[in-house]
Protein backbone atom coordinates (compact mmCIF):
# COMPACT_ATOMS: atom_id res chain seq x y z
CA MET A 1 251.49 84.76 178.05
CA GLY A 2 255.19 85.36 176.68
CA SER A 3 256.92 83.74 173.99
CA ASN A 4 257.72 80.10 173.48
CA ALA A 5 261.22 80.70 175.08
CA ALA A 6 259.35 81.79 178.19
CA LEU A 7 256.91 78.84 178.52
CA GLU A 8 257.19 76.08 180.77
CA PRO A 9 258.89 72.84 179.59
CA ILE A 10 256.82 69.83 178.53
CA ASN A 11 256.39 67.00 180.97
CA GLU A 12 256.65 64.19 178.70
CA THR A 13 255.92 61.35 181.43
CA LEU A 14 252.79 62.84 182.14
CA GLY A 15 251.98 63.20 178.51
CA VAL A 16 252.64 59.52 178.15
CA TYR A 17 250.24 58.65 181.08
CA SER A 18 247.55 61.05 179.68
CA GLN A 19 247.53 59.01 176.43
CA LEU A 20 247.50 55.44 178.30
CA PHE A 21 244.60 56.71 180.57
CA MET A 22 242.85 58.01 177.47
CA LEU A 23 242.92 54.58 175.84
CA LEU A 24 242.01 52.68 179.11
CA ALA A 25 238.93 54.98 179.46
CA ALA A 26 237.83 54.63 175.79
CA MET A 27 237.87 50.82 176.43
CA VAL A 28 235.72 51.09 179.77
CA TYR A 29 233.24 53.36 178.04
CA MET A 30 233.05 50.55 175.24
CA VAL A 31 232.30 48.06 178.00
CA VAL A 32 229.72 50.40 179.53
CA PHE A 33 228.08 50.61 176.08
CA ILE A 34 227.78 46.95 176.00
CA PHE A 35 226.16 46.78 179.40
CA PHE A 36 223.80 49.46 178.68
CA ALA A 37 222.78 47.48 175.46
CA LEU A 38 222.43 44.31 177.24
CA ASP A 39 220.09 46.24 179.88
CA LEU A 40 217.86 47.28 176.97
CA ALA A 41 217.89 43.73 175.48
CA LYS A 42 216.99 42.19 178.84
CA THR A 43 214.39 44.86 179.47
CA ASN A 44 212.90 44.22 175.95
CA LYS A 45 212.56 40.48 176.92
CA SER A 46 211.25 41.18 180.29
CA ILE A 47 208.53 43.75 179.10
CA SER A 48 207.55 41.18 176.27
CA GLU A 49 206.90 38.57 178.95
CA MET A 50 205.04 40.86 181.10
CA ASP A 51 202.74 41.87 178.26
CA ALA A 52 202.20 38.19 177.23
CA ALA A 53 201.35 37.38 180.78
CA ALA A 54 198.94 40.37 181.10
CA LEU A 55 197.25 39.20 177.90
CA LYS A 56 197.07 35.46 179.09
CA GLU A 57 195.53 36.71 182.26
CA ASP A 58 193.07 38.89 180.56
CA GLU A 59 191.98 35.77 178.29
CA LYS A 60 191.37 33.79 181.48
CA LEU A 61 189.12 36.36 183.01
CA LEU A 62 187.23 36.86 179.91
CA VAL A 63 186.59 33.04 179.78
CA SER A 64 185.50 32.69 183.27
CA ALA A 65 183.16 35.50 182.71
CA GLY A 66 181.79 34.05 179.66
CA ALA A 67 182.57 37.13 177.67
CA VAL A 68 183.55 37.45 174.10
CA ALA A 69 187.16 38.29 173.95
CA ARG A 70 188.18 41.45 172.23
CA PRO A 71 191.89 42.31 171.62
CA GLY A 72 193.08 44.57 174.25
CA ARG A 73 189.82 44.86 176.04
CA GLY A 74 188.55 43.52 179.49
CA ARG A 75 185.35 41.78 180.59
CA ARG A 76 183.25 44.91 180.01
CA GLY A 77 185.70 46.63 177.40
CA GLU A 78 187.74 48.07 180.26
CA ASP A 79 189.61 47.50 183.57
CA SER A 80 191.88 44.98 181.60
CA ARG A 81 195.51 44.08 182.42
CA ALA A 82 196.11 44.09 178.65
CA ASP A 83 195.09 47.72 178.43
CA ASN A 84 198.52 48.59 179.90
CA VAL A 85 200.32 46.91 177.14
CA GLY A 86 202.54 49.57 175.30
CA GLU A 87 202.39 52.22 178.18
CA HIS A 88 205.66 53.62 179.35
CA ILE A 89 207.30 52.36 182.30
CA VAL A 90 209.39 55.51 182.91
CA THR A 91 207.37 58.53 183.74
CA ASP A 92 207.49 61.61 181.70
CA LYS A 93 209.25 63.20 184.82
CA MET A 94 212.00 60.69 184.27
CA GLU A 95 211.61 59.49 187.79
CA TYR A 96 213.11 56.39 189.50
CA THR A 97 210.50 53.74 189.85
CA LYS A 98 210.36 50.08 191.59
CA LEU A 99 211.24 48.71 188.18
CA SER A 100 214.49 50.54 188.26
CA SER A 101 215.78 48.43 191.19
CA SER A 102 215.51 45.35 189.12
CA ARG A 103 217.72 46.68 186.19
CA LYS A 104 220.98 44.97 187.38
CA MET A 105 222.84 45.52 183.98
CA ALA A 106 222.01 49.27 184.04
CA ARG A 107 223.25 49.58 187.62
CA ILE A 108 226.72 48.01 186.64
CA ALA A 109 226.89 50.26 183.51
CA VAL A 110 226.67 53.32 185.67
CA VAL A 111 229.43 52.19 188.03
CA LEU A 112 231.67 51.29 185.15
CA MET A 113 230.96 54.56 183.49
CA CYS A 114 231.88 56.42 186.91
CA LEU A 115 235.22 54.64 186.59
CA ALA A 116 235.61 55.46 182.99
CA THR A 117 234.95 59.14 183.62
CA ALA A 118 237.54 58.97 186.60
CA LEU A 119 240.14 57.66 184.09
CA HIS A 120 239.16 60.12 181.50
CA GLY A 121 239.36 63.03 183.76
CA PHE A 122 242.91 61.85 184.99
CA ALA A 123 243.95 61.60 181.28
CA VAL A 124 242.72 65.20 180.48
CA PHE A 125 244.29 66.74 183.64
CA ALA A 126 247.57 64.96 183.29
CA ARG A 127 247.66 66.38 179.59
CA ALA A 128 246.87 69.87 180.97
CA PHE A 129 249.73 69.65 183.69
CA ALA A 130 252.07 67.95 181.20
CA ALA A 131 251.57 71.16 178.86
CA ASN A 132 251.21 73.50 181.72
CA ARG A 133 248.09 74.88 180.18
CA VAL A 134 244.42 74.41 179.50
CA PRO A 135 243.68 71.04 177.67
CA TRP A 136 241.80 72.39 174.65
CA GLY A 137 244.58 73.72 172.36
CA ASN A 138 243.94 71.60 169.35
CA MET A 139 241.19 69.14 167.93
CA TYR A 140 242.44 66.27 169.88
CA GLU A 141 242.32 68.09 173.15
CA PHE A 142 238.72 69.88 172.28
CA MET A 143 237.29 66.38 171.38
CA SER A 144 238.65 64.63 174.43
CA THR A 145 237.67 67.29 176.89
CA GLY A 146 234.26 67.76 175.24
CA ALA A 147 233.66 64.03 175.63
CA LEU A 148 234.46 64.30 179.53
CA VAL A 149 232.01 67.11 179.89
CA VAL A 150 229.39 64.99 177.96
CA SER A 151 230.14 62.07 180.56
CA VAL A 152 230.22 64.30 183.54
CA VAL A 153 227.01 66.08 182.79
CA TYR A 154 225.26 62.91 182.30
CA LEU A 155 226.42 61.43 185.49
CA VAL A 156 225.34 64.42 187.33
CA ALA A 157 221.94 64.37 185.66
CA LEU A 158 221.66 60.71 186.94
CA PHE A 159 221.44 61.82 190.61
CA PHE A 160 218.14 63.68 189.78
CA LYS A 161 216.64 61.80 186.89
CA ASP A 162 216.45 58.25 185.64
CA LEU A 163 218.31 58.82 182.47
CA ARG A 164 219.65 55.37 182.02
CA PHE A 165 217.61 54.83 178.94
CA MET A 166 220.11 57.36 177.28
CA GLY A 167 223.12 55.19 178.46
CA SER A 168 223.66 53.51 175.19
CA PHE A 169 223.89 56.80 173.27
CA ILE A 170 225.93 58.69 175.80
CA SER A 171 228.50 55.97 176.34
CA GLY A 172 228.48 55.19 172.52
CA LEU A 173 228.97 58.89 171.71
CA VAL A 174 231.82 59.54 174.07
CA THR A 175 233.50 56.26 172.79
CA LEU A 176 233.23 57.57 169.27
CA MET A 177 234.56 60.99 170.40
CA LEU A 178 237.58 59.44 172.26
CA CYS A 179 238.30 57.13 169.29
CA GLY A 180 237.88 59.98 166.86
CA ALA A 181 240.31 62.13 169.02
CA THR A 182 242.75 59.45 169.19
CA ILE A 183 242.63 58.02 165.73
CA GLY A 184 241.69 60.99 163.61
CA PHE A 185 243.51 63.72 165.35
CA PRO A 186 246.66 62.55 167.27
CA THR A 187 248.60 65.49 168.42
CA PRO A 188 251.69 65.17 170.78
CA VAL A 189 251.73 67.25 174.01
CA GLY A 190 253.11 70.65 173.19
CA HIS A 191 252.79 74.47 173.55
CA LEU A 192 249.92 76.57 172.28
CA VAL A 193 250.46 78.33 168.82
CA PRO A 194 251.00 81.98 169.32
CA ALA A 195 247.50 83.01 168.30
CA LEU A 196 246.09 80.98 171.27
CA GLN A 197 248.51 82.23 173.93
CA SER A 198 245.77 84.31 175.37
CA PRO A 199 243.76 84.40 178.62
CA TRP A 200 240.66 84.30 176.07
CA ILE A 201 241.18 80.59 175.37
CA VAL A 202 240.21 79.86 179.00
CA ILE A 203 236.97 81.79 178.58
CA HIS A 204 236.12 81.29 174.91
CA VAL A 205 236.98 77.75 174.39
CA SER A 206 235.95 76.49 177.62
CA ILE A 207 232.22 77.80 177.15
CA ALA A 208 232.38 76.32 173.56
CA VAL A 209 233.12 72.96 175.05
CA PHE A 210 230.30 73.15 177.49
CA ALA A 211 227.93 74.33 174.80
CA SER A 212 228.87 71.63 172.25
CA ALA A 213 228.45 69.08 175.21
CA LEU A 214 224.84 70.14 175.85
CA PHE A 215 224.06 70.23 172.23
CA ALA A 216 225.38 66.62 171.89
CA ILE A 217 223.05 65.34 174.88
CA SER A 218 220.09 67.21 173.13
CA PHE A 219 220.96 65.50 169.89
CA ALA A 220 220.66 62.20 171.58
CA MET A 221 217.26 63.04 173.16
CA ASN A 222 216.02 64.46 169.88
CA VAL A 223 217.02 60.89 168.12
CA LEU A 224 215.14 59.12 170.95
CA GLN A 225 212.33 61.69 170.65
CA LEU A 226 211.84 60.64 166.74
CA MET A 227 211.92 56.94 167.54
CA GLN A 228 209.50 57.12 170.28
CA HIS A 229 207.07 59.37 168.03
CA ALA A 230 207.34 56.94 165.33
CA ARG A 231 206.77 53.80 167.60
CA MET A 232 203.71 55.64 169.08
CA LYS A 233 202.29 56.36 165.80
CA ARG A 234 202.56 52.79 164.71
CA ILE A 235 200.69 51.40 167.99
CA ALA A 236 198.01 54.02 167.39
CA GLU A 237 197.45 52.62 163.91
CA GLY A 238 197.17 49.25 165.40
CA GLN A 239 200.41 47.83 164.25
CA PRO A 240 202.24 45.70 166.88
CA ASP A 241 205.08 46.98 169.17
CA LYS A 242 208.32 46.29 167.53
CA MET A 243 210.45 48.27 170.06
CA PRO A 244 209.03 47.53 173.42
CA PHE A 245 212.26 48.33 175.28
CA MET A 246 211.26 52.14 174.38
CA ARG A 247 208.81 51.70 177.05
CA VAL A 248 211.91 52.56 179.36
CA VAL A 249 212.04 55.75 177.62
CA PRO A 250 209.72 58.57 178.43
CA GLY A 251 207.19 59.95 175.98
CA ALA A 252 208.12 61.97 173.00
CA GLY A 253 206.75 65.11 174.56
CA ALA A 254 208.73 64.80 177.53
CA LEU A 255 211.98 64.14 175.64
CA GLU A 256 211.30 67.13 173.41
CA ASN A 257 210.83 69.35 176.61
CA PHE A 258 214.02 68.17 178.13
CA ALA A 259 216.03 68.66 174.99
CA TYR A 260 214.56 72.05 174.53
CA ARG A 261 215.60 73.11 178.08
CA LEU A 262 219.17 71.76 177.29
CA ASN A 263 219.41 73.76 173.80
CA THR A 264 218.29 76.94 175.65
CA ILE A 265 221.25 76.58 178.08
CA GLY A 266 223.54 75.59 175.23
CA PHE A 267 222.39 78.37 173.01
CA ALA A 268 223.01 80.82 175.69
CA MET A 269 226.60 79.50 176.19
CA TRP A 270 227.13 79.51 172.24
CA THR A 271 225.86 83.35 172.03
CA PHE A 272 228.63 84.01 174.67
CA THR A 273 231.24 81.95 172.72
CA VAL A 274 230.49 84.10 169.48
CA ILE A 275 230.68 87.29 171.42
CA ALA A 276 233.80 86.38 173.25
CA GLY A 277 235.56 85.04 170.12
CA ALA A 278 234.75 88.41 168.47
CA ILE A 279 236.44 90.29 171.30
CA TRP A 280 239.48 88.01 171.25
CA ALA A 281 239.65 88.42 167.41
CA GLU A 282 239.85 92.30 167.84
CA ALA A 283 242.62 91.74 170.50
CA ALA A 284 244.64 89.38 168.18
CA TRP A 285 243.86 90.51 164.72
CA GLY A 286 242.65 94.00 165.11
CA ARG A 287 239.09 93.47 164.09
CA TYR A 288 236.06 91.89 165.54
CA TRP A 289 234.53 89.83 162.62
CA GLY A 290 236.19 89.06 159.26
CA TRP A 291 234.13 86.38 157.88
CA ASP A 292 236.71 83.71 158.41
CA PRO A 293 235.17 80.12 157.64
CA LYS A 294 235.24 79.45 161.33
CA GLU A 295 233.42 82.64 162.25
CA VAL A 296 230.90 81.98 159.49
CA TRP A 297 230.03 78.45 160.74
CA SER A 298 229.81 79.61 164.37
CA PHE A 299 227.35 82.13 163.16
CA VAL A 300 225.40 79.62 161.27
CA ILE A 301 225.16 77.37 164.22
CA TRP A 302 224.10 80.51 166.25
CA VAL A 303 221.32 81.18 163.63
CA VAL A 304 219.97 77.57 163.50
CA TYR A 305 219.59 77.03 167.11
CA ALA A 306 218.08 80.68 167.28
CA GLY A 307 215.66 79.48 164.77
CA TYR A 308 214.87 76.33 166.51
CA LEU A 309 214.12 78.08 169.92
CA HIS A 310 212.01 80.94 168.24
CA ALA A 311 210.16 78.40 165.95
CA ARG A 312 209.34 76.43 168.99
CA ALA A 313 208.38 79.02 171.32
CA THR A 314 206.29 81.27 169.07
CA GLY A 315 205.75 79.35 165.94
CA GLY A 316 204.19 76.06 167.35
CA TRP A 317 206.93 73.95 165.87
CA THR A 318 206.80 70.96 168.03
CA GLY A 319 207.27 67.28 167.51
CA PRO A 320 209.37 65.94 164.85
CA ARG A 321 209.86 69.17 163.14
CA SER A 322 211.57 70.70 166.07
CA ALA A 323 213.52 67.67 166.66
CA TRP A 324 214.75 67.65 163.10
CA LEU A 325 215.85 71.20 163.32
CA SER A 326 217.78 70.78 166.54
CA ILE A 327 219.67 67.64 164.82
CA ILE A 328 220.33 69.97 161.93
CA GLY A 329 222.01 72.33 164.48
CA PHE A 330 224.07 69.66 165.97
CA LEU A 331 225.26 68.44 162.57
CA CYS A 332 226.30 71.97 161.95
CA VAL A 333 228.38 71.88 165.07
CA VAL A 334 229.97 68.54 163.92
CA PHE A 335 230.79 70.09 160.46
CA ASN A 336 232.27 73.21 161.95
CA PHE A 337 234.41 71.30 164.24
CA THR A 338 235.72 68.47 161.56
CA ILE A 339 235.34 69.93 158.05
CA VAL A 340 235.79 73.37 158.65
CA ASN A 341 238.83 72.88 160.79
CA ILE A 342 240.52 70.42 158.42
CA PHE A 343 239.68 71.40 154.89
CA PHE A 344 239.02 75.24 155.22
CA ASN A 345 241.96 77.62 155.27
CA GLY A 346 241.62 80.64 157.50
CA LEU A 347 243.09 82.34 160.73
CA HIS A 348 241.77 79.56 162.73
CA SER A 349 243.66 76.79 161.06
CA TYR A 350 245.53 75.69 164.10
CA ALA A 351 243.85 72.36 164.61
CA GLY A 352 246.92 70.50 165.38
CA VAL A 353 246.49 67.92 162.52
């Protein structure tokens, strides 16, 4: 790309439409979050009623058989309907079941999320056309584009897996990202700073956006994994199930395996991001590596996720330990994007804030 004088003029009208549709998308995402939350609440109530009915029916069978009732057991200590209390409704393969068709709130939430994603996509592409460049030249654009990728990946995954149990997490995360971009990093449509006027921005930053989006989704998976693990531990100790809505969530092991697959793909993308960044640095500044704060923390992220994959694959780190290590990795991603960009001076200080 040439100098600023040779750049295409800014389309202010498209820039205004981009901001308007971004706000509309954030509002619809918030409504999506509410519907997913209502679905969990309704499912929680339905499951509690199902469990109560199963226990009541089991008690009737015990009385009619003249047997002595024991909590959670049938006439012969087996074949009791109450034995199913606490079991997961969603399979570990995250397949759609007959119960899925009765979740009206969840279906409405998915339709609204498609609408929000369409509005969101228009806002991102309108900003790109307004500036005549890729829409990830500053923190506002990186965060808004990353939120769009998270939403799109989630909706595509819904075609193959019943991931509606993650709806509240994903819609809430996307809403926070859009609000953070709009309130925390408002940046008018403009041209790229000279350091970013390179074809490498298409390759390097786009892969970083996709990797960060996958890390965000796996982060949500790991949080659910920890919740499910703690829930099943309490049930195994004979304590009452205080989160019956988690029965629409697969087991902790299934969540861990799914997050591991996402992190594997994200790690490969992040590795390419670091390598591409080094090549770009050599072209821009004449050196591949200079221990700039952004470079250091990008490497820290790579080390954390490399350690996570290695520990889980060869060291037997499974369960909560692997989940926490993955969560630490995502927190490093957030730290790198926010704290490092805002408070650390370096060659990468072009956040637009």
